[in-house]
Amino acid sequence: MPEIREEIMIFFTAVLTGAVLRTAYRCISCLREWIRHEPVAIEVEDLFYWIAASIYFFVQIYHTSDGVIRWYFILGVVLGAIFASVFFGWMKKLYKKIYTRSHKDFTKNP
C-alpha cells in the first residue's frame, strides 16, 4: 500500500497529465485557427490526438500506480485539464487587454 506522500505525488502527476493533454489539444486548435483545414483533416488530426492521448494516459497510469486506476488519478487529470483551460482564459484576457492598450497608443495622434 503506497504511503500518503506517494499518493500525493501520483495526484500531482495526474494534474500535470491533464494539463499536458489539454495544452496539446489547445495547440492543435491554435494551429487550426492559423491554417484552414478541411473537415476530413480535422477528423484525422483528432483521431491521432486521441490515440496519442490514450497511449500517454495509459503510460502515466501504468508508471504512477502500477496499472491500477485510482479515483484520485482521474480526478487529478480532470482538475489539471480545468486548470489549463482557466489559465488559457486568463492569458487570452491578458493578451486582449495588452493588445487593445497598445493598439490605442499607436492610433493616437500626437
C-alpha atoms as a PDB file:
ATOM      1  CA  MET A   1       0.000   0.000   0.000  1.00  0.00           C
ATOM      2  CA  PRO A   2       1.539   3.336  -1.019  1.00  0.00           C
ATOM      3  CA  GLU A   3       2.278   5.968   1.546  1.00  0.00           C
ATOM      4  CA  ILE A   4       0.414   9.264   1.591  1.00  0.00           C
ATOM      5  CA  ARG A   5       3.423  11.112   0.089  1.00  0.00           C
ATOM      6  CA  GLU A   6       3.468   8.731  -2.836  1.00  0.00           C
ATOM      7  CA  GLU A   7      -0.271   9.155  -3.351  1.00  0.00           C
ATOM      8  CA  ILE A   8       0.107  12.946  -3.303  1.00  0.00           C
ATOM      9  CA  MET A   9       2.853  12.710  -5.918  1.00  0.00           C
ATOM     10  CA  ILE A  10       0.612  10.468  -8.018  1.00  0.00           C
ATOM     11  CA  PHE A  11      -2.155  13.066  -7.738  1.00  0.00           C
ATOM     12  CA  PHE A  12       0.165  15.887  -8.836  1.00  0.00           C
ATOM     13  CA  THR A  13       1.395  13.731 -11.707  1.00  0.00           C
ATOM     14  CA  ALA A  14      -2.228  13.245 -12.718  1.00  0.00           C
ATOM     15  CA  VAL A  15      -2.841  17.008 -12.587  1.00  0.00           C
ATOM     16  CA  LEU A  16       0.195  17.516 -14.799  1.00  0.00           C
ATOM     17  CA  THR A  17      -1.054  14.804 -17.156  1.00  0.00           C
ATOM     18  CA  GLY A  18      -4.406  16.559 -17.534  1.00  0.00           C
ATOM     19  CA  ALA A  19      -2.717  19.902 -18.120  1.00  0.00           C
ATOM     20  CA  VAL A  20      -0.396  18.401 -20.745  1.00  0.00           C
ATOM     21  CA  LEU A  21      -3.286  16.765 -22.591  1.00  0.00           C
ATOM     22  CA  ARG A  22      -5.329  19.986 -22.544  1.00  0.00           C
ATOM     23  CA  THR A  23      -2.353  22.056 -23.665  1.00  0.00           C
ATOM     24  CA  ALA A  24      -1.654  19.696 -26.545  1.00  0.00           C
ATOM     25  CA  TYR A  25      -5.247  19.951 -27.746  1.00  0.00           C
ATOM     26  CA  ARG A  26      -5.140  23.743 -27.402  1.00  0.00           C
ATOM     27  CA  CYS A  27      -2.028  23.776 -29.598  1.00  0.00           C
ATOM     28  CA  ILE A  28      -3.896  21.769 -32.219  1.00  0.00           C
ATOM     29  CA  SER A  29      -6.829  24.185 -32.085  1.00  0.00           C
ATOM     30  CA  CYS A  30      -4.467  27.165 -32.441  1.00  0.00           C
ATOM     31  CA  LEU A  31      -2.959  25.506 -35.492  1.00  0.00           C
ATOM     32  CA  ARG A  32      -6.471  25.170 -36.915  1.00  0.00           C
ATOM     33  CA  GLU A  33      -7.065  28.896 -36.399  1.00  0.00           C
ATOM     34  CA  TRP A  34      -3.880  29.815 -38.262  1.00  0.00           C
ATOM     35  CA  ILE A  35      -4.219  27.329 -41.106  1.00  0.00           C
ATOM     36  CA  ARG A  36      -7.622  26.477 -42.534  1.00  0.00           C
ATOM     37  CA  HIS A  37      -8.323  22.742 -42.548  1.00  0.00           C
ATOM     38  CA  GLU A  38     -10.834  20.649 -44.391  1.00  0.00           C
ATOM     39  CA  PRO A  39     -13.260  18.730 -42.160  1.00  0.00           C
ATOM     40  CA  VAL A  40     -11.594  15.429 -43.071  1.00  0.00           C
ATOM     41  CA  ALA A  41      -8.201  16.781 -41.986  1.00  0.00           C
ATOM     42  CA  ILE A  42      -9.678  17.938 -38.673  1.00  0.00           C
ATOM     43  CA  GLU A  43     -11.141  14.485 -38.074  1.00  0.00           C
ATOM     44  CA  VAL A  44      -7.804  12.828 -38.845  1.00  0.00           C
ATOM     45  CA  GLU A  45      -5.980  15.231 -36.505  1.00  0.00           C
ATOM     46  CA  ASP A  46      -8.494  14.483 -33.759  1.00  0.00           C
ATOM     47  CA  LEU A  47      -8.135  10.756 -34.328  1.00  0.00           C
ATOM     48  CA  PHE A  48      -4.341  10.946 -33.998  1.00  0.00           C
ATOM     49  CA  TYR A  49      -4.638  13.218 -30.946  1.00  0.00           C
ATOM     50  CA  TRP A  50      -6.991  10.845 -29.138  1.00  0.00           C
ATOM     51  CA  ILE A  51      -4.873   7.822 -29.968  1.00  0.00           C
ATOM     52  CA  ALA A  52      -1.759   9.595 -28.693  1.00  0.00           C
ATOM     53  CA  ALA A  53      -3.623  10.938 -25.646  1.00  0.00           C
ATOM     54  CA  SER A  54      -4.929   7.495 -24.712  1.00  0.00           C
ATOM     55  CA  ILE A  55      -1.443   5.987 -25.024  1.00  0.00           C
ATOM     56  CA  TYR A  56       0.030   8.813 -22.914  1.00  0.00           C
ATOM     57  CA  PHE A  57      -2.740   8.433 -20.329  1.00  0.00           C
ATOM     58  CA  PHE A  58      -2.249   4.665 -20.159  1.00  0.00           C
ATOM     59  CA  VAL A  59       1.518   5.026 -19.738  1.00  0.00           C
ATOM     60  CA  GLN A  60       1.050   7.574 -16.957  1.00  0.00           C
ATOM     61  CA  ILE A  61      -1.382   5.304 -15.114  1.00  0.00           C
ATOM     62  CA  TYR A  62       0.929   2.329 -15.593  1.00  0.00           C
ATOM     63  CA  HIS A  63       4.013   4.131 -14.298  1.00  0.00           C
ATOM     64  CA  THR A  64       2.441   6.002 -11.414  1.00  0.00           C
ATOM     65  CA  SER A  65       0.047   3.462  -9.958  1.00  0.00           C
ATOM     66  CA  ASP A  66       1.161   0.130 -11.431  1.00  0.00           C
ATOM     67  CA  GLY A  67      -1.772  -0.007 -13.827  1.00  0.00           C
ATOM     68  CA  VAL A  68      -4.431   0.383 -11.142  1.00  0.00           C
ATOM     69  CA  ILE A  69      -6.923   3.119 -11.945  1.00  0.00           C
ATOM     70  CA  ARG A  70      -7.498   5.112  -8.794  1.00  0.00           C
ATOM     71  CA  TRP A  71     -10.273   7.670  -8.447  1.00  0.00           C
ATOM     72  CA  TYR A  72      -7.892  10.427  -7.401  1.00  0.00           C
ATOM     73  CA  PHE A  73      -5.838   9.898 -10.564  1.00  0.00           C
ATOM     74  CA  ILE A  74      -8.935  10.512 -12.704  1.00  0.00           C
ATOM     75  CA  LEU A  75      -9.851  13.496 -10.515  1.00  0.00           C
ATOM     76  CA  GLY A  76      -6.326  14.874 -10.899  1.00  0.00           C
ATOM     77  CA  VAL A  77      -6.459  14.586 -14.687  1.00  0.00           C
ATOM     78  CA  VAL A  78      -9.788  16.409 -14.793  1.00  0.00           C
ATOM     79  CA  LEU A  79      -8.542  19.129 -12.428  1.00  0.00           C
ATOM     80  CA  GLY A  80      -5.374  19.539 -14.490  1.00  0.00           C
ATOM     81  CA  ALA A  81      -7.398  19.996 -17.677  1.00  0.00           C
ATOM     82  CA  ILE A  82      -9.676  22.514 -15.945  1.00  0.00           C
ATOM     83  CA  PHE A  83      -6.662  24.367 -14.559  1.00  0.00           C
ATOM     84  CA  ALA A  84      -5.103  24.572 -18.025  1.00  0.00           C
ATOM     85  CA  SER A  85      -8.387  25.830 -19.516  1.00  0.00           C
ATOM     86  CA  VAL A  86      -8.703  28.543 -16.867  1.00  0.00           C
ATOM     87  CA  PHE A  87      -5.062  29.507 -17.396  1.00  0.00           C
ATOM     88  CA  PHE A  88      -5.617  29.831 -21.161  1.00  0.00           C
ATOM     89  CA  GLY A  89      -8.673  32.001 -20.485  1.00  0.00           C
ATOM     90  CA  TRP A  90      -6.636  34.324 -18.276  1.00  0.00           C
ATOM     91  CA  MET A  91      -3.889  34.515 -20.879  1.00  0.00           C
ATOM     92  CA  LYS A  92      -6.432  35.353 -23.585  1.00  0.00           C
ATOM     93  CA  LYS A  93      -7.902  38.159 -21.466  1.00  0.00           C
ATOM     94  CA  LEU A  94      -4.428  39.483 -20.685  1.00  0.00           C
ATOM     95  CA  TYR A  95      -3.464  39.365 -24.355  1.00  0.00           C
ATOM     96  CA  LYS A  96      -6.614  41.245 -25.353  1.00  0.00           C
ATOM     97  CA  LYS A  97      -6.024  43.843 -22.664  1.00  0.00           C
ATOM     98  CA  ILE A  98      -2.407  44.393 -23.719  1.00  0.00           C
ATOM     99  CA  TYR A  99      -3.238  44.336 -27.422  1.00  0.00           C
ATOM    100  CA  THR A 100      -6.089  46.841 -27.149  1.00  0.00           C
ATOM    101  CA  ARG A 101      -3.998  49.128 -24.954  1.00  0.00           C
ATOM    102  CA  SER A 102      -1.013  49.059 -27.328  1.00  0.00           C
ATOM    103  CA  HIS A 103      -3.314  49.400 -30.325  1.00  0.00           C
ATOM    104  CA  LYS A 104      -4.894  52.538 -28.809  1.00  0.00           C
ATOM    105  CA  ASP A 105      -1.433  54.007 -28.127  1.00  0.00           C
ATOM    106  CA  PHE A 106      -0.394  53.555 -31.755  1.00  0.00           C
ATOM    107  CA  THR A 107      -3.571  55.076 -33.159  1.00  0.00           C
ATOM    108  CA  LYS A 108      -3.323  58.291 -31.114  1.00  0.00           C
ATOM    109  CA  ASN A 109      -2.070  61.308 -32.988  1.00  0.00           C
ATOM    110  CA  PRO A 110       0.458  63.495 -31.137  1.00  0.00           C
END
